[in-house]
Protein backbone atom coordinates (compact mmCIF):
# COMPACT_ATOMS: atom_id res chain seq x y z
CA UNK A 1 -12.24 4.31 7.50
CA UNK A 2 -12.51 0.63 7.00
CA UNK A 3 -11.19 -0.10 3.46
CA UNK A 4 -13.27 -3.37 3.36
CA UNK A 5 -16.78 -1.70 4.02
CA UNK A 6 -18.48 -0.70 0.88
CA UNK A 7 -19.44 2.62 -0.45
CA UNK A 8 -23.09 3.30 -1.16
CA UNK A 9 -24.41 4.66 -4.40
CA UNK A 10 -28.10 5.73 -5.34
CA UNK A 11 -30.29 7.08 -8.18
CA UNK A 12 -33.78 6.94 -9.13
CA UNK A 13 -33.11 4.17 -11.40
CA UNK A 14 -30.28 2.73 -13.58
CA UNK A 15 -28.66 5.89 -14.52
CA UNK A 16 -26.33 5.95 -11.62
CA UNK A 17 -24.74 2.65 -13.05
CA UNK A 18 -22.90 5.12 -15.55
CA UNK A 19 -20.99 6.49 -12.37
CA UNK A 20 -20.59 3.01 -10.95
CA UNK A 21 -19.11 1.77 -14.17
CA UNK A 22 -16.39 4.61 -13.90
CA UNK A 23 -15.99 3.82 -10.22
CA UNK A 24 -15.41 0.08 -10.81
CA UNK A 25 -13.07 0.77 -13.73
CA UNK A 26 -10.91 3.08 -11.49
CA UNK A 27 -11.23 0.97 -8.30
CA UNK A 28 -11.94 -2.63 -9.25
CA UNK A 29 -11.52 -3.85 -5.65
CA UNK A 30 -14.21 -1.47 -4.31
CA UNK A 31 -17.37 -3.22 -2.68
CA UNK A 32 -20.40 -1.10 -3.53
CA UNK A 33 -23.97 -1.03 -2.42
CA UNK A 34 -26.29 0.27 -5.28
CA UNK A 35 -29.56 1.51 -4.72
CA UNK A 36 -32.24 2.21 -7.43
CA UNK A 37 -35.56 3.98 -6.24
CA UNK A 38 -37.09 2.87 -9.51
CA UNK A 39 -40.57 3.27 -7.98
CA UNK A 40 -40.38 6.94 -8.06
CA UNK A 41 -38.30 7.45 -11.11
CA UNK A 42 -37.47 9.90 -12.66
CA UNK A 43 -36.63 12.29 -9.84
CA UNK A 44 -36.21 15.14 -12.80
CA UNK A 45 -40.00 15.73 -12.77
CA UNK A 46 -40.46 15.71 -9.01
CA UNK A 47 -40.40 18.75 -6.69
CA UNK A 48 -37.47 19.51 -4.53
CA UNK A 49 -38.85 18.68 -1.17
CA UNK A 50 -39.97 15.03 -2.53
CA UNK A 51 -36.63 14.47 -4.00
CA UNK A 52 -35.06 15.33 -0.63
CA UNK A 53 -36.99 12.99 1.40
CA UNK A 54 -36.39 10.37 -1.08
CA UNK A 55 -32.59 10.90 -1.08
CA UNK A 56 -32.41 10.77 2.92
CA UNK A 57 -34.24 7.57 2.92
CA UNK A 58 -31.89 6.12 0.49
CA UNK A 59 -29.00 7.31 2.21
CA UNK A 60 -30.20 6.10 5.52
CA UNK A 61 -30.87 2.56 4.07
CA UNK A 62 -27.40 2.48 2.56
CA UNK A 63 -25.70 3.68 5.75
CA UNK A 64 -27.71 1.10 7.80
CA UNK A 65 -26.34 -1.56 5.57
CA UNK A 66 -22.70 -0.35 6.26
CA UNK A 67 -21.95 2.16 3.55
CA UNK A 68 -18.70 4.15 4.61
CA UNK A 69 -19.11 6.96 1.98
CA UNK A 70 -22.30 7.92 -0.40
CA UNK A 71 -22.23 8.71 -3.96
CA UNK A 72 -25.24 10.51 -5.05
CA UNK A 73 -25.35 9.45 -8.70
CA UNK A 74 -28.07 11.62 -9.66
CA UNK A 75 -27.94 15.55 -10.67
CA UNK A 76 -31.25 16.04 -9.58
CA UNK A 77 -30.75 14.45 -5.98
CA UNK A 78 -27.42 16.23 -5.71
CA UNK A 79 -28.89 19.50 -6.28
CA UNK A 80 -31.70 18.81 -3.69
CA UNK A 81 -30.14 16.88 -0.83
CA UNK A 82 -26.42 16.82 -0.78
CA UNK A 83 -25.88 19.57 2.10
CA UNK A 84 -28.86 17.63 3.93
CA UNK A 85 -27.04 14.35 3.60
CA UNK A 86 -23.73 15.93 4.83
CA UNK A 87 -25.41 17.50 7.75
CA UNK A 88 -27.20 14.06 8.82
CA UNK A 89 -24.54 11.51 8.10
CA UNK A 90 -20.87 11.92 9.35
CA UNK A 91 -19.15 10.42 6.38
CA UNK A 92 -18.09 11.54 2.94
CA UNK A 93 -20.73 12.26 0.45
CA UNK A 94 -19.95 12.99 -3.30
CA UNK A 95 -22.36 14.49 -5.74
CA UNK A 96 -22.51 14.95 -9.59
CA UNK A 97 -23.44 18.33 -11.26
CA UNK A 98 -23.37 19.10 -14.91
CA UNK A 99 -19.91 19.85 -16.05
CA UNK A 100 -20.04 23.39 -16.94
CA UNK A 101 -16.55 24.34 -16.18
CA UNK A 102 -14.66 21.79 -18.40
CA UNK A 103 -17.24 22.37 -21.07
CA UNK A 104 -16.78 26.17 -21.12
CA UNK A 105 -12.98 25.48 -21.47
CA UNK A 106 -13.28 22.97 -24.08
CA UNK A 107 -15.72 24.86 -26.47
CA UNK A 108 -14.26 26.45 -29.66
CA UNK A 109 -17.52 28.20 -30.77
CA UNK A 110 -17.94 29.55 -27.21
CA UNK A 111 -21.47 28.00 -27.02
CA UNK A 112 -22.27 24.86 -24.78
CA UNK A 113 -25.41 22.86 -24.54
CA UNK A 114 -26.34 21.22 -21.26
CA UNK A 115 -28.74 18.33 -21.62
CA UNK A 116 -30.51 17.60 -18.22
CA UNK A 117 -33.89 17.48 -16.50
CA UNK A 118 -35.98 20.48 -15.96
CA UNK A 119 -35.29 20.10 -12.11
CA UNK A 120 -31.47 20.23 -12.42
CA UNK A 121 -31.84 23.30 -14.91
CA UNK A 122 -34.07 25.04 -12.38
CA UNK A 123 -31.86 24.23 -9.27
CA UNK A 124 -29.88 26.84 -7.07
CA UNK A 125 -27.07 24.67 -7.63
CA UNK A 126 -27.17 24.85 -11.37
CA UNK A 127 -27.66 28.65 -11.15
CA UNK A 128 -24.51 28.97 -9.11
CA UNK A 129 -22.65 26.96 -11.61
CA UNK A 130 -23.73 29.45 -14.29
CA UNK A 131 -22.71 32.26 -12.13
CA UNK A 132 -19.21 30.78 -11.43
CA UNK A 133 -18.39 29.45 -14.88
CA UNK A 134 -21.02 30.68 -17.53
CA UNK A 135 -19.23 34.09 -18.19
CA UNK A 136 -16.66 31.90 -20.06
CA UNK A 137 -19.09 30.63 -22.50
CA UNK A 138 -22.80 31.15 -23.56
CA UNK A 139 -24.42 27.99 -21.94
CA UNK A 140 -27.76 26.85 -23.06
CA UNK A 141 -29.72 24.67 -20.95
CA UNK A 142 -31.91 22.03 -22.75
CA UNK A 143 -34.68 20.02 -20.71
CA UNK A 144 -35.08 16.45 -22.00
CA UNK A 145 -38.24 15.25 -20.63
CA UNK A 146 -38.87 11.22 -21.55
CA UNK A 147 -34.97 10.52 -21.97
CA UNK A 148 -34.74 8.79 -18.72
CA UNK A 149 -37.75 6.80 -19.40
CA UNK A 150 -36.24 5.61 -22.65
CA UNK A 151 -32.98 4.30 -20.89
CA UNK A 152 -35.09 2.65 -18.22
CA UNK A 153 -37.32 0.94 -20.98
CA UNK A 154 -33.85 -0.13 -22.29
CA UNK A 155 -34.30 1.62 -25.68
CA UNK A 156 -30.82 3.19 -26.41
CA UNK A 157 -31.06 3.33 -29.96
CA UNK A 158 -34.52 3.03 -31.20
CA UNK A 159 -36.65 5.41 -33.59
CA UNK A 160 -38.71 6.78 -30.74
CA UNK A 161 -35.51 7.56 -28.54
CA UNK A 162 -33.76 8.93 -31.75
CA UNK A 163 -36.52 11.12 -32.48
CA UNK A 164 -36.64 12.19 -28.94
CA UNK A 165 -33.14 13.04 -28.87
CA UNK A 166 -32.95 14.87 -32.34
CA UNK A 167 -35.73 17.10 -30.93
CA UNK A 168 -33.70 18.32 -28.04
CA UNK A 169 -30.29 18.37 -29.77
CA UNK A 170 -31.45 20.33 -33.04
CA UNK A 171 -31.93 23.79 -30.98
CA UNK A 172 -28.70 23.42 -29.55
CA UNK A 173 -26.80 22.67 -32.87
CA UNK A 174 -28.66 25.58 -34.59
CA UNK A 175 -27.29 27.88 -31.96
CA UNK A 176 -23.99 26.75 -32.79
CA UNK A 177 -22.95 24.52 -29.59
CA UNK A 178 -19.99 22.53 -30.28
CA UNK A 179 -19.93 20.92 -26.69
CA UNK A 180 -22.55 19.01 -25.16
CA UNK A 181 -22.79 18.15 -21.40
CA UNK A 182 -24.65 15.04 -20.22
CA UNK A 183 -26.34 16.66 -17.19
CA UNK A 184 -28.30 13.43 -16.21
CA UNK A 185 -26.59 10.10 -15.21
CA UNK A 186 -28.73 8.21 -17.50
CA UNK A 187 -27.64 10.09 -20.72
CA UNK A 188 -24.52 8.36 -20.81
CA UNK A 189 -25.87 5.20 -21.99
CA UNK A 190 -27.19 7.33 -24.94
CA UNK A 191 -23.81 8.70 -25.77
CA UNK A 192 -23.33 6.68 -28.94
CA UNK A 193 -26.66 7.84 -30.17
CA UNK A 194 -26.15 11.46 -29.06
CA UNK A 195 -22.74 11.52 -30.78
CA UNK A 196 -24.09 10.05 -34.00
CA UNK A 197 -26.61 12.35 -34.01
CA UNK A 198 -24.53 15.57 -33.25
CA UNK A 199 -21.92 14.64 -35.62
CA UNK A 200 -17.82 14.31 -35.13
CA UNK A 201 -17.39 18.00 -34.81
CA UNK A 202 -19.39 18.02 -31.45
CA UNK A 203 -17.64 16.97 -28.23
CA UNK A 204 -19.72 15.31 -25.75
CA UNK A 205 -18.52 15.70 -21.89
CA UNK A 206 -19.87 13.08 -19.31
CA UNK A 207 -18.82 14.04 -15.56
CA UNK A 208 -19.11 10.48 -14.38
CA UNK A 209 -15.39 10.00 -14.51
CA UNK A 210 -14.61 13.00 -12.39
CA UNK A 211 -17.02 11.74 -9.80
CA UNK A 212 -15.15 8.56 -9.71
CA UNK A 213 -11.87 10.27 -9.28
CA UNK A 214 -13.19 12.64 -6.53
CA UNK A 215 -14.31 9.40 -4.76
CA UNK A 216 -10.89 7.83 -5.16
CA UNK A 217 -9.36 11.07 -3.51
CA UNK A 218 -11.79 11.00 -0.90
CA UNK A 219 -11.04 7.27 0.08
CA UNK A 220 -7.30 7.58 -0.64
CA UNK A 221 -5.66 4.42 0.54
CA UNK A 222 -8.68 3.18 2.08
CA UNK A 223 -9.81 0.85 -0.72
CA UNK A 224 -10.11 -2.78 -0.11
CA UNK A 225 -12.51 -5.56 -0.51
CA UNK A 226 -13.20 -7.95 -3.35
CA UNK A 227 -15.11 -5.84 -6.04
CA UNK A 228 -18.56 -7.02 -4.72
CA UNK A 229 -21.77 -5.28 -6.01
CA UNK A 230 -25.03 -5.69 -3.88
CA UNK A 231 -27.97 -4.00 -5.59
CA UNK A 232 -31.34 -2.91 -4.27
CA UNK A 233 -34.45 -1.56 -5.97
CA UNK A 234 -37.82 -0.10 -5.03
CA UNK A 235 -39.05 -1.31 -8.44
CA UNK A 236 -39.62 -4.32 -10.15
CA UNK A 237 -36.31 -6.40 -9.24
CA UNK A 238 -36.67 -8.66 -12.18
CA UNK A 239 -37.05 -5.98 -14.89
CA UNK A 240 -34.14 -4.05 -13.20
CA UNK A 241 -32.06 -7.02 -12.88
CA UNK A 242 -32.26 -7.61 -16.90
CA UNK A 243 -31.78 -3.90 -17.60
CA UNK A 244 -28.70 -3.45 -15.27
CA UNK A 245 -27.22 -6.62 -16.42
CA UNK A 246 -27.23 -5.50 -20.12
CA UNK A 247 -25.87 -1.96 -19.23
CA UNK A 248 -22.89 -3.42 -17.19
CA UNK A 249 -22.39 -6.33 -19.56
CA UNK A 250 -22.45 -8.61 -16.68
CA UNK A 251 -24.91 -10.60 -14.68
CA UNK A 252 -26.45 -8.49 -11.74
CA UNK A 253 -28.47 -9.60 -9.10
CA UNK A 254 -31.25 -7.25 -7.68
CA UNK A 255 -33.03 -7.13 -4.50
CA UNK A 256 -36.61 -5.57 -3.96
CA UNK A 257 -36.76 -3.50 -0.93
CA UNK A 258 -39.36 -0.94 0.39
CA UNK A 259 -38.44 2.40 1.52
CA UNK A 260 -40.53 4.92 3.59
CA UNK A 261 -42.44 7.08 1.25
CA UNK A 262 -41.85 10.09 3.71
CA UNK A 263 -38.78 9.81 5.34
CA UNK A 264 -39.42 9.86 9.17
CA UNK A 265 -42.92 8.34 9.09
CA UNK A 266 -41.80 5.10 10.24
CA UNK A 267 -39.76 6.48 12.89
CA UNK A 268 -42.68 8.27 14.24
CA UNK A 269 -44.56 5.03 14.49
CA UNK A 270 -41.63 3.46 16.13
CA UNK A 271 -40.88 1.05 13.08
CA UNK A 272 -38.19 0.87 10.87
CA UNK A 273 -38.32 1.55 6.99
CA UNK A 274 -35.54 -0.95 6.29
CA UNK A 275 -35.65 -4.68 5.60
CA UNK A 276 -33.47 -7.05 7.86
């Protein structure tokens, strides 16, 4: 494994930056390629076959640009695509999933709330997590439509976002949940608001750090480079650059690209979906 080669990270938008933030804190010299498939966000309201196709296209793009490992920085895409990605590409693939196990271990009331997209909560992967670890606590899944869009709009603490969050949090708090899991990579950017609304007695669990540590374990000593970040988007590059710069508190340059809408369509026509 070439220690100077970059790691590829993708999500439907800017949410994966929460994972990237933890990766760079842990491995500051790591070079990263980040792909935001913002044209089709959010993945959380799309069917599994569509998310699989987009994930394959994103991974193919990152590998074609030199990625030596892939981080699927999206719970929905992890559930839909990780097995297929590992079969398709002979390189490490690290995904993310709701932190049911640590939350079940941390709860004092015995009740855990999972804030996630509907697709994540309906996935086979989430069902398997509940089978393995749900017996240690009562786990309540709360779908949160609209929250991804609030983050993508840059509204992290405004009245509309606060009202939406309170609508999703209140049933969990009323049920006695004292531990909340951020089951979407966009949600860590709302963590201060979530903690303020939930109160000091409620613990918030973010799995982003665990993903970064897993990647570090996978890479071992093969971590070199200069800490560069190259960012691509299928959406509005100017808008994405402004939002990403705000979320990372550092200037970010974003390159607009076009990925195949359906994986394999270009291959059948003898074309490539990737820019030079």
